[in-house]
């Protein structure tokens, strides 16, 4: 379906977690040094980048341009863009606002994330069994990334507005 053998697909698949780990190492160091409103912008840009990469993979699949190199680069780029906004905000939020319940809050967040992953795996398996499933899967992923970028930007914008109102009231 992607014009690569099973062995090549296994090699390609390794680019994703490798680039996720790289993104978390770099992203974690950057995020810990910037203020919260700037973090939101960084997360939103990452989600937009992910939507673009997934759209490019979708286009490559549709036009027959999918090969070992393009899919490897796409999977690596997807890992780079996905890891930071997916893993860091929840942990950061839980540590800041969870207090003594931060571990419980983190556990509940992970249960939700794992449940979503299981549900997604079921949907992906069904779509791939149809034969034309990769375009549908990549379409779902790119739409989800774009939606996540919009929601994250709105959340951080609202948080920034609330902080500005608080600072304005405190100044008077």
N, C-alpha and C. Protein backbone atom coordinates (compact mmCIF):
# COMPACT_ATOMS: atom_id res chain seq x y z
N UNK A 1 0.81 -1.21 0.00
CA UNK A 1 0.00 0.00 0.00
C UNK A 1 0.85 1.26 0.00
N UNK A 2 2.07 1.17 0.54
CA UNK A 2 2.96 2.33 0.51
C UNK A 2 4.14 2.11 -0.43
N UNK A 3 4.04 1.14 -1.27
CA UNK A 3 5.09 0.82 -2.25
C UNK A 3 6.41 0.43 -1.60
N UNK A 4 6.35 -0.18 -0.41
CA UNK A 4 7.56 -0.67 0.25
C UNK A 4 7.29 -2.07 0.78
N UNK A 5 8.37 -2.86 0.94
CA UNK A 5 8.23 -4.22 1.47
C UNK A 5 7.97 -4.17 2.98
N UNK A 6 7.62 -5.31 3.55
CA UNK A 6 7.38 -5.38 4.99
C UNK A 6 8.64 -5.04 5.79
N UNK A 7 9.78 -5.53 5.32
CA UNK A 7 11.04 -5.23 6.00
C UNK A 7 11.37 -3.74 5.95
N UNK A 8 11.15 -3.13 4.79
CA UNK A 8 11.38 -1.69 4.67
C UNK A 8 10.39 -0.91 5.54
N UNK A 9 9.15 -1.40 5.63
CA UNK A 9 8.16 -0.73 6.48
C UNK A 9 8.59 -0.78 7.94
N UNK A 10 9.17 -1.91 8.38
CA UNK A 10 9.66 -2.01 9.76
C UNK A 10 10.81 -1.02 9.99
N UNK A 11 11.68 -0.87 9.00
CA UNK A 11 12.77 0.10 9.12
C UNK A 11 12.23 1.52 9.18
N UNK A 12 11.27 1.82 8.34
CA UNK A 12 10.66 3.16 8.32
C UNK A 12 10.01 3.46 9.66
N UNK A 13 9.33 2.46 10.23
CA UNK A 13 8.61 2.66 11.48
C UNK A 13 9.55 3.08 12.62
N UNK A 14 10.82 2.72 12.54
CA UNK A 14 11.76 3.08 13.60
C UNK A 14 12.11 4.56 13.63
N UNK A 15 11.89 5.26 12.53
CA UNK A 15 12.18 6.69 12.50
C UNK A 15 11.24 7.47 13.41
N UNK A 16 10.01 6.99 13.56
CA UNK A 16 9.02 7.70 14.36
C UNK A 16 9.42 7.77 15.84
N UNK A 17 9.65 6.64 16.54
CA UNK A 17 10.01 6.75 17.96
C UNK A 17 11.38 7.40 18.17
N UNK A 18 12.29 7.19 17.23
CA UNK A 18 13.60 7.83 17.35
C UNK A 18 13.46 9.35 17.34
N UNK A 19 12.69 9.87 16.41
CA UNK A 19 12.49 11.32 16.33
C UNK A 19 11.61 11.84 17.46
N UNK A 20 10.68 11.00 17.98
CA UNK A 20 9.91 11.39 19.16
C UNK A 20 10.84 11.61 20.35
N UNK A 21 11.76 10.66 20.56
CA UNK A 21 12.70 10.78 21.67
C UNK A 21 13.57 12.03 21.52
N UNK A 22 14.03 12.29 20.32
CA UNK A 22 14.83 13.48 20.05
C UNK A 22 14.03 14.75 20.34
N UNK A 23 12.78 14.78 19.89
CA UNK A 23 11.92 15.95 20.11
C UNK A 23 11.66 16.16 21.60
N UNK A 24 11.45 15.09 22.36
CA UNK A 24 11.20 15.24 23.79
C UNK A 24 12.43 15.76 24.52
N UNK A 25 13.59 15.29 24.11
CA UNK A 25 14.82 15.78 24.74
C UNK A 25 15.01 17.27 24.47
N UNK A 26 14.89 17.65 23.22
CA UNK A 26 15.07 19.06 22.86
C UNK A 26 13.89 19.90 23.35
N UNK A 27 12.67 19.42 23.11
CA UNK A 27 11.47 20.16 23.50
C UNK A 27 11.36 20.36 24.99
N UNK A 28 11.71 19.35 25.78
CA UNK A 28 11.67 19.48 27.23
C UNK A 28 12.61 20.55 27.74
N UNK A 29 13.78 20.61 27.15
CA UNK A 29 14.75 21.63 27.56
C UNK A 29 14.29 23.03 27.16
N UNK A 30 13.69 23.16 25.98
CA UNK A 30 13.21 24.47 25.52
C UNK A 30 11.99 24.90 26.33
N UNK A 31 11.03 24.00 26.51
CA UNK A 31 9.79 24.33 27.22
C UNK A 31 10.06 24.78 28.64
N UNK A 32 11.01 24.14 29.31
CA UNK A 32 11.29 24.51 30.70
C UNK A 32 11.91 25.89 30.82
N UNK A 33 12.34 26.48 29.73
CA UNK A 33 13.00 27.79 29.77
C UNK A 33 12.13 28.94 29.26
N UNK A 34 10.93 28.64 28.75
CA UNK A 34 10.10 29.72 28.22
C UNK A 34 8.80 29.83 29.02
N UNK A 35 8.18 31.00 28.94
CA UNK A 35 6.95 31.26 29.69
C UNK A 35 5.76 30.54 29.06
N UNK A 36 4.71 30.37 29.86
CA UNK A 36 3.55 29.59 29.44
C UNK A 36 2.91 30.09 28.14
N UNK A 37 2.66 31.38 27.94
CA UNK A 37 2.05 31.79 26.66
C UNK A 37 2.90 31.41 25.45
N UNK A 38 4.21 31.49 25.59
CA UNK A 38 5.09 31.11 24.49
C UNK A 38 5.06 29.61 24.26
N UNK A 39 4.85 28.85 25.33
CA UNK A 39 4.74 27.40 25.20
C UNK A 39 3.54 27.05 24.32
N UNK A 40 2.43 27.74 24.53
CA UNK A 40 1.24 27.48 23.73
C UNK A 40 1.49 27.70 22.25
N UNK A 41 2.20 28.76 21.93
CA UNK A 41 2.55 29.03 20.53
C UNK A 41 3.42 27.94 19.96
N UNK A 42 4.37 27.46 20.77
CA UNK A 42 5.26 26.39 20.31
C UNK A 42 4.47 25.11 20.06
N UNK A 43 3.54 24.79 20.97
CA UNK A 43 2.72 23.59 20.79
C UNK A 43 1.84 23.72 19.55
N UNK A 44 1.23 24.88 19.38
CA UNK A 44 0.35 25.10 18.23
C UNK A 44 1.14 24.98 16.92
N UNK A 45 2.35 25.54 16.88
CA UNK A 45 3.18 25.42 15.68
C UNK A 45 3.56 23.97 15.41
N UNK A 46 3.84 23.22 16.48
CA UNK A 46 4.16 21.80 16.31
C UNK A 46 2.98 21.05 15.72
N UNK A 47 1.78 21.34 16.21
CA UNK A 47 0.59 20.66 15.68
C UNK A 47 0.35 21.05 14.23
N UNK A 48 0.57 22.31 13.89
CA UNK A 48 0.43 22.74 12.49
C UNK A 48 1.46 22.03 11.62
N UNK A 49 2.70 21.93 12.11
CA UNK A 49 3.74 21.21 11.38
C UNK A 49 3.36 19.76 11.16
N UNK A 50 2.79 19.14 12.20
CA UNK A 50 2.36 17.75 12.09
C UNK A 50 1.25 17.62 11.04
N UNK A 51 0.31 18.55 11.04
CA UNK A 51 -0.77 18.50 10.04
C UNK A 51 -0.20 18.61 8.62
N UNK A 52 0.79 19.46 8.44
CA UNK A 52 1.41 19.63 7.12
C UNK A 52 2.15 18.36 6.71
N UNK A 53 2.91 17.77 7.64
CA UNK A 53 3.65 16.54 7.33
C UNK A 53 2.69 15.41 6.97
N UNK A 54 1.64 15.25 7.77
CA UNK A 54 0.68 14.19 7.49
C UNK A 54 -0.07 14.44 6.17
N UNK A 55 -0.35 15.70 5.89
CA UNK A 55 -0.95 16.04 4.60
C UNK A 55 -0.02 15.70 3.46
N UNK A 56 1.27 15.94 3.65
CA UNK A 56 2.27 15.58 2.64
C UNK A 56 2.36 14.08 2.44
N UNK A 57 2.30 13.31 3.53
CA UNK A 57 2.29 11.86 3.41
C UNK A 57 1.03 11.38 2.69
N UNK A 58 -0.08 11.99 3.02
CA UNK A 58 -1.35 11.67 2.35
C UNK A 58 -1.22 11.93 0.85
N UNK A 59 -0.67 13.07 0.48
CA UNK A 59 -0.49 13.43 -0.92
C UNK A 59 0.45 12.43 -1.61
N UNK A 60 1.54 12.06 -0.93
CA UNK A 60 2.49 11.11 -1.50
C UNK A 60 1.82 9.77 -1.76
N UNK A 61 0.97 9.34 -0.84
CA UNK A 61 0.24 8.07 -1.02
C UNK A 61 -0.74 8.16 -2.19
N UNK A 62 -1.42 9.28 -2.30
CA UNK A 62 -2.44 9.45 -3.35
C UNK A 62 -1.83 9.55 -4.74
N UNK A 63 -0.63 10.13 -4.84
CA UNK A 63 -0.03 10.37 -6.15
C UNK A 63 0.98 9.31 -6.54
N UNK A 64 1.20 8.31 -5.68
CA UNK A 64 2.16 7.27 -6.00
C UNK A 64 3.61 7.68 -5.76
N UNK A 65 3.83 8.76 -5.06
CA UNK A 65 5.19 9.22 -4.77
C UNK A 65 5.75 8.60 -3.50
N UNK A 66 4.99 7.75 -2.84
CA UNK A 66 5.43 7.13 -1.59
C UNK A 66 6.52 6.11 -1.89
N UNK A 67 7.68 6.31 -1.29
CA UNK A 67 8.77 5.34 -1.38
C UNK A 67 9.52 5.34 -0.05
N UNK A 68 10.58 4.57 0.04
CA UNK A 68 11.31 4.42 1.30
C UNK A 68 11.77 5.77 1.84
N UNK A 69 12.34 6.59 1.00
CA UNK A 69 12.90 7.88 1.45
C UNK A 69 11.81 8.86 1.89
N UNK A 70 10.78 9.04 1.06
CA UNK A 70 9.75 10.03 1.41
C UNK A 70 8.98 9.61 2.66
N UNK A 71 8.67 8.33 2.79
CA UNK A 71 7.93 7.87 3.96
C UNK A 71 8.82 7.94 5.20
N UNK A 72 10.11 7.61 5.08
CA UNK A 72 11.03 7.70 6.22
C UNK A 72 11.15 9.13 6.72
N UNK A 73 11.32 10.05 5.80
CA UNK A 73 11.41 11.46 6.20
C UNK A 73 10.10 11.92 6.81
N UNK A 74 8.98 11.52 6.22
CA UNK A 74 7.68 11.90 6.75
C UNK A 74 7.43 11.34 8.14
N UNK A 75 7.78 10.08 8.37
CA UNK A 75 7.58 9.48 9.69
C UNK A 75 8.49 10.14 10.73
N UNK A 76 9.73 10.43 10.35
CA UNK A 76 10.63 11.11 11.28
C UNK A 76 10.13 12.51 11.62
N UNK A 77 9.69 13.23 10.61
CA UNK A 77 9.17 14.59 10.84
C UNK A 77 7.90 14.54 11.68
N UNK A 78 7.05 13.55 11.45
CA UNK A 78 5.84 13.40 12.25
C UNK A 78 6.20 13.17 13.71
N UNK A 79 7.21 12.35 13.97
CA UNK A 79 7.66 12.12 15.34
C UNK A 79 8.19 13.38 15.98
N UNK A 80 8.95 14.17 15.21
CA UNK A 80 9.48 15.43 15.74
C UNK A 80 8.37 16.40 16.12
N UNK A 81 7.36 16.50 15.27
CA UNK A 81 6.28 17.46 15.53
C UNK A 81 5.28 16.94 16.56
N UNK A 82 5.10 15.64 16.66
CA UNK A 82 4.07 15.08 17.53
C UNK A 82 4.47 15.02 19.00
N UNK A 83 5.67 14.64 19.28
CA UNK A 83 6.06 14.29 20.65
C UNK A 83 5.91 15.45 21.64
N UNK A 84 6.40 16.62 21.28
CA UNK A 84 6.38 17.73 22.23
C UNK A 84 4.96 18.15 22.62
N UNK A 85 4.05 18.41 21.68
CA UNK A 85 2.72 18.81 22.12
C UNK A 85 1.89 17.65 22.70
N UNK A 86 2.28 16.41 22.43
CA UNK A 86 1.50 15.28 22.93
C UNK A 86 1.90 14.90 24.35
N UNK A 87 3.19 14.88 24.64
CA UNK A 87 3.65 14.37 25.93
C UNK A 87 3.90 15.45 26.99
N UNK A 88 4.44 16.58 26.62
CA UNK A 88 4.89 17.56 27.61
C UNK A 88 3.77 18.37 28.26
N UNK A 89 2.75 18.89 27.55
CA UNK A 89 1.78 19.77 28.21
C UNK A 89 1.02 19.12 29.37
N UNK A 90 0.61 17.88 29.21
CA UNK A 90 -0.18 17.24 30.27
C UNK A 90 0.67 17.08 31.53
N UNK A 91 1.88 16.62 31.39
CA UNK A 91 2.75 16.46 32.54
C UNK A 91 3.05 17.80 33.19
N UNK A 92 3.34 18.79 32.39
CA UNK A 92 3.62 20.13 32.91
C UNK A 92 2.42 20.69 33.65
N UNK A 93 1.24 20.56 33.07
CA UNK A 93 0.02 21.04 33.71
C UNK A 93 -0.21 20.31 35.03
N UNK A 94 -0.07 18.99 35.02
CA UNK A 94 -0.31 18.22 36.23
C UNK A 94 0.65 18.59 37.35
N UNK A 95 1.90 18.84 37.01
CA UNK A 95 2.87 19.21 38.04
C UNK A 95 2.61 20.60 38.58
N UNK A 96 2.16 21.52 37.73
CA UNK A 96 1.90 22.89 38.18
C UNK A 96 0.64 23.01 39.03
N UNK A 97 -0.41 22.32 38.61
CA UNK A 97 -1.71 22.54 39.25
C UNK A 97 -2.23 21.35 40.06
N UNK A 98 -1.58 20.22 39.96
CA UNK A 98 -2.06 19.04 40.66
C UNK A 98 -1.72 19.01 42.14
N UNK A 99 -0.68 19.75 42.53
CA UNK A 99 -0.27 19.74 43.93
C UNK A 99 0.04 18.33 44.39
N UNK A 100 -0.49 17.98 45.54
CA UNK A 100 -0.20 16.65 46.07
C UNK A 100 -0.93 15.55 45.29
N UNK A 101 -1.86 15.94 44.41
CA UNK A 101 -2.58 14.97 43.59
C UNK A 101 -2.00 14.87 42.18
N UNK A 102 -0.82 15.43 41.96
CA UNK A 102 -0.28 15.46 40.59
C UNK A 102 -0.07 14.06 40.03
N UNK A 103 0.33 13.10 40.86
CA UNK A 103 0.53 11.73 40.35
C UNK A 103 -0.81 11.11 39.94
N UNK A 104 -1.85 11.34 40.74
CA UNK A 104 -3.18 10.80 40.40
C UNK A 104 -3.70 11.46 39.13
N UNK A 105 -3.50 12.77 39.02
CA UNK A 105 -3.93 13.49 37.83
C UNK A 105 -3.19 12.99 36.59
N UNK A 106 -1.90 12.75 36.74
CA UNK A 106 -1.10 12.21 35.64
C UNK A 106 -1.60 10.82 35.25
N UNK A 107 -1.91 10.00 36.24
CA UNK A 107 -2.43 8.66 35.96
C UNK A 107 -3.74 8.70 35.21
N UNK A 108 -4.65 9.59 35.62
CA UNK A 108 -5.93 9.72 34.91
C UNK A 108 -5.72 10.21 33.49
N UNK A 109 -4.77 11.12 33.30
CA UNK A 109 -4.47 11.62 31.95
C UNK A 109 -3.95 10.50 31.07
N UNK A 110 -3.09 9.66 31.63
CA UNK A 110 -2.53 8.55 30.86
C UNK A 110 -3.58 7.51 30.51
N UNK A 111 -4.53 7.26 31.44
CA UNK A 111 -5.61 6.33 31.14
C UNK A 111 -6.42 6.85 29.95
N UNK A 112 -6.72 8.14 29.94
CA UNK A 112 -7.46 8.72 28.83
C UNK A 112 -6.65 8.58 27.54
N UNK A 113 -5.36 8.89 27.60
CA UNK A 113 -4.50 8.81 26.41
C UNK A 113 -4.42 7.38 25.88
N UNK A 114 -4.25 6.42 26.78
CA UNK A 114 -4.16 5.03 26.34
C UNK A 114 -5.49 4.54 25.78
N UNK A 115 -6.60 4.97 26.36
CA UNK A 115 -7.92 4.59 25.83
C UNK A 115 -8.11 5.14 24.43
N UNK A 116 -7.68 6.38 24.22
CA UNK A 116 -7.77 6.98 22.88
C UNK A 116 -6.88 6.21 21.90
N UNK A 117 -5.70 5.80 22.35
CA UNK A 117 -4.78 5.05 21.49
C UNK A 117 -5.38 3.70 21.10
N UNK A 118 -6.00 3.01 22.05
CA UNK A 118 -6.63 1.72 21.76
C UNK A 118 -7.77 1.91 20.75
N UNK A 119 -8.60 2.92 20.99
CA UNK A 119 -9.69 3.20 20.06
C UNK A 119 -9.18 3.52 18.67
N UNK A 120 -8.10 4.29 18.62
CA UNK A 120 -7.53 4.65 17.32
C UNK A 120 -6.99 3.40 16.63
N UNK A 121 -6.33 2.51 17.38
CA UNK A 121 -5.79 1.29 16.78
C UNK A 121 -6.90 0.44 16.17
N UNK A 122 -8.04 0.37 16.83
CA UNK A 122 -9.17 -0.40 16.30
C UNK A 122 -9.65 0.22 15.00
N UNK A 123 -9.77 1.55 14.98
CA UNK A 123 -10.23 2.24 13.77
C UNK A 123 -9.21 2.06 12.65
N UNK A 124 -7.92 2.21 12.96
CA UNK A 124 -6.88 2.06 11.94
C UNK A 124 -6.89 0.65 11.36
N UNK A 125 -7.00 -0.37 12.23
CA UNK A 125 -7.03 -1.75 11.74
C UNK A 125 -8.20 -1.96 10.79
N UNK A 126 -9.35 -1.40 11.14
CA UNK A 126 -10.53 -1.53 10.27
C UNK A 126 -10.30 -0.82 8.93
N UNK A 127 -9.75 0.38 8.98
CA UNK A 127 -9.53 1.14 7.74
C UNK A 127 -8.48 0.46 6.85
N UNK A 128 -7.43 -0.06 7.46
CA UNK A 128 -6.38 -0.70 6.66
C UNK A 128 -6.86 -2.00 6.04
N UNK A 129 -7.79 -2.66 6.70
CA UNK A 129 -8.33 -3.91 6.15
C UNK A 129 -9.15 -3.66 4.89
N UNK A 130 -9.62 -2.44 4.71
CA UNK A 130 -10.43 -2.11 3.52
C UNK A 130 -9.59 -2.05 2.25
N UNK A 131 -8.31 -1.83 2.36
CA UNK A 131 -7.46 -1.75 1.17
C UNK A 131 -7.09 -0.35 0.78
N UNK A 132 -7.98 0.60 0.92
CA UNK A 132 -7.67 2.00 0.61
C UNK A 132 -7.51 2.80 1.90
N UNK A 133 -7.13 2.11 2.95
CA UNK A 133 -7.15 2.70 4.28
C UNK A 133 -6.10 3.74 4.59
N UNK A 134 -4.91 3.67 4.00
CA UNK A 134 -3.87 4.63 4.37
C UNK A 134 -4.27 6.08 4.12
N UNK A 135 -4.87 6.41 3.00
CA UNK A 135 -5.31 7.80 2.83
C UNK A 135 -6.31 8.22 3.91
N UNK A 136 -7.20 7.32 4.29
CA UNK A 136 -8.18 7.66 5.33
C UNK A 136 -7.48 7.86 6.67
N UNK A 137 -6.54 6.99 7.00
CA UNK A 137 -5.80 7.10 8.27
C UNK A 137 -5.03 8.41 8.31
N UNK A 138 -4.31 8.71 7.24
CA UNK A 138 -3.53 9.95 7.22
C UNK A 138 -4.43 11.17 7.22
N UNK A 139 -5.59 11.07 6.59
CA UNK A 139 -6.56 12.17 6.64
C UNK A 139 -7.07 12.41 8.05
N UNK A 140 -7.38 11.34 8.77
CA UNK A 140 -7.83 11.46 10.16
C UNK A 140 -6.73 12.08 11.01
N UNK A 141 -5.50 11.61 10.84
CA UNK A 141 -4.39 12.13 11.64
C UNK A 141 -4.13 13.61 11.36
N UNK A 142 -4.15 14.00 10.10
CA UNK A 142 -3.88 15.41 9.79
C UNK A 142 -5.02 16.30 10.30
N UNK A 143 -6.24 15.84 10.19
CA UNK A 143 -7.38 16.62 10.72
C UNK A 143 -7.29 16.74 12.23
N UNK A 144 -6.92 15.65 12.90
CA UNK A 144 -6.77 15.67 14.35
C UNK A 144 -5.67 16.63 14.78
N UNK A 145 -4.57 16.63 14.05
CA UNK A 145 -3.46 17.53 14.39
C UNK A 145 -3.87 18.99 14.22
N UNK A 146 -4.59 19.28 13.16
CA UNK A 146 -5.05 20.66 12.94
C UNK A 146 -6.03 21.07 14.04
N UNK A 147 -6.94 20.18 14.41
CA UNK A 147 -7.89 20.47 15.49
C UNK A 147 -7.15 20.67 16.81
N UNK A 148 -6.17 19.83 17.09
CA UNK A 148 -5.40 19.97 18.32
C UNK A 148 -4.67 21.30 18.36
N UNK A 149 -4.13 21.73 17.24
CA UNK A 149 -3.44 23.03 17.18
C UNK A 149 -4.41 24.15 17.50
N UNK A 150 -5.59 24.10 16.94
CA UNK A 150 -6.59 25.16 17.17
C UNK A 150 -7.04 25.16 18.63
N UNK A 151 -7.33 24.00 19.18
CA UNK A 151 -7.77 23.93 20.58
C UNK A 151 -6.68 24.37 21.55
N UNK A 152 -5.46 23.96 21.28
CA UNK A 152 -4.36 24.35 22.16
C UNK A 152 -4.12 25.86 22.09
N UNK A 153 -4.19 26.42 20.92
CA UNK A 153 -4.02 27.86 20.77
C UNK A 153 -5.12 28.61 21.52
N UNK A 154 -6.37 28.13 21.41
CA UNK A 154 -7.48 28.78 22.14
C UNK A 154 -7.29 28.68 23.65
N UNK A 155 -6.83 27.52 24.13
CA UNK A 155 -6.61 27.33 25.57
C UNK A 155 -5.56 28.30 26.08
N UNK A 156 -4.43 28.37 25.39
CA UNK A 156 -3.37 29.25 25.86
C UNK A 156 -3.74 30.72 25.70
N UNK A 157 -4.49 31.06 24.67
CA UNK A 157 -4.94 32.43 24.49
C UNK A 157 -5.86 32.83 25.64
N UNK A 158 -6.80 31.94 26.00
CA UNK A 158 -7.71 32.22 27.12
C UNK A 158 -6.94 32.35 28.42
N UNK A 159 -5.93 31.52 28.60
CA UNK A 159 -5.10 31.57 29.80
C UNK A 159 -4.34 32.89 29.86
N UNK A 160 -3.84 33.33 28.73
CA UNK A 160 -3.11 34.60 28.68
C UNK A 160 -4.06 35.76 28.96
N UNK A 161 -5.28 35.73 28.41
CA UNK A 161 -6.26 36.80 28.66
C UNK A 161 -6.60 36.87 30.14
N UNK A 162 -6.79 35.73 30.77
CA UNK A 162 -7.11 35.69 32.20
C UNK A 162 -5.97 36.26 33.03
N UNK A 163 -4.75 35.94 32.65
CA UNK A 163 -3.58 36.44 33.38
C UNK A 163 -3.47 37.96 33.21
N UNK A 164 -3.71 38.46 32.00
CA UNK A 164 -3.64 39.91 31.76
C UNK A 164 -4.70 40.65 32.56
N UNK A 165 -5.92 40.11 32.66
CA UNK A 165 -6.98 40.72 33.46
C UNK A 165 -6.59 40.74 34.93
N UNK A 166 -6.00 39.67 35.40
CA UNK A 166 -5.56 39.57 36.79
C UNK A 166 -4.48 40.60 37.07
N UNK A 167 -3.52 40.74 36.17
CA UNK A 167 -2.44 41.71 36.36
C UNK A 167 -2.96 43.14 36.28
N UNK A 168 -3.92 43.39 35.38
CA UNK A 168 -4.51 44.74 35.27
C UNK A 168 -5.28 45.08 36.55
N UNK A 169 -6.03 44.14 37.11
CA UNK A 169 -6.77 44.38 38.34
C UNK A 169 -5.83 44.59 39.52
N UNK A 170 -4.71 43.86 39.54
CA UNK A 170 -3.75 43.99 40.63
C UNK A 170 -3.00 45.32 40.56
N UNK A 171 -2.87 45.88 39.36
CA UNK A 171 -2.15 47.14 39.19
C UNK A 171 -2.95 48.32 39.71
N UNK A 172 -4.27 48.20 39.79
CA UNK A 172 -5.12 49.30 40.26
C UNK A 172 -5.31 49.24 41.71
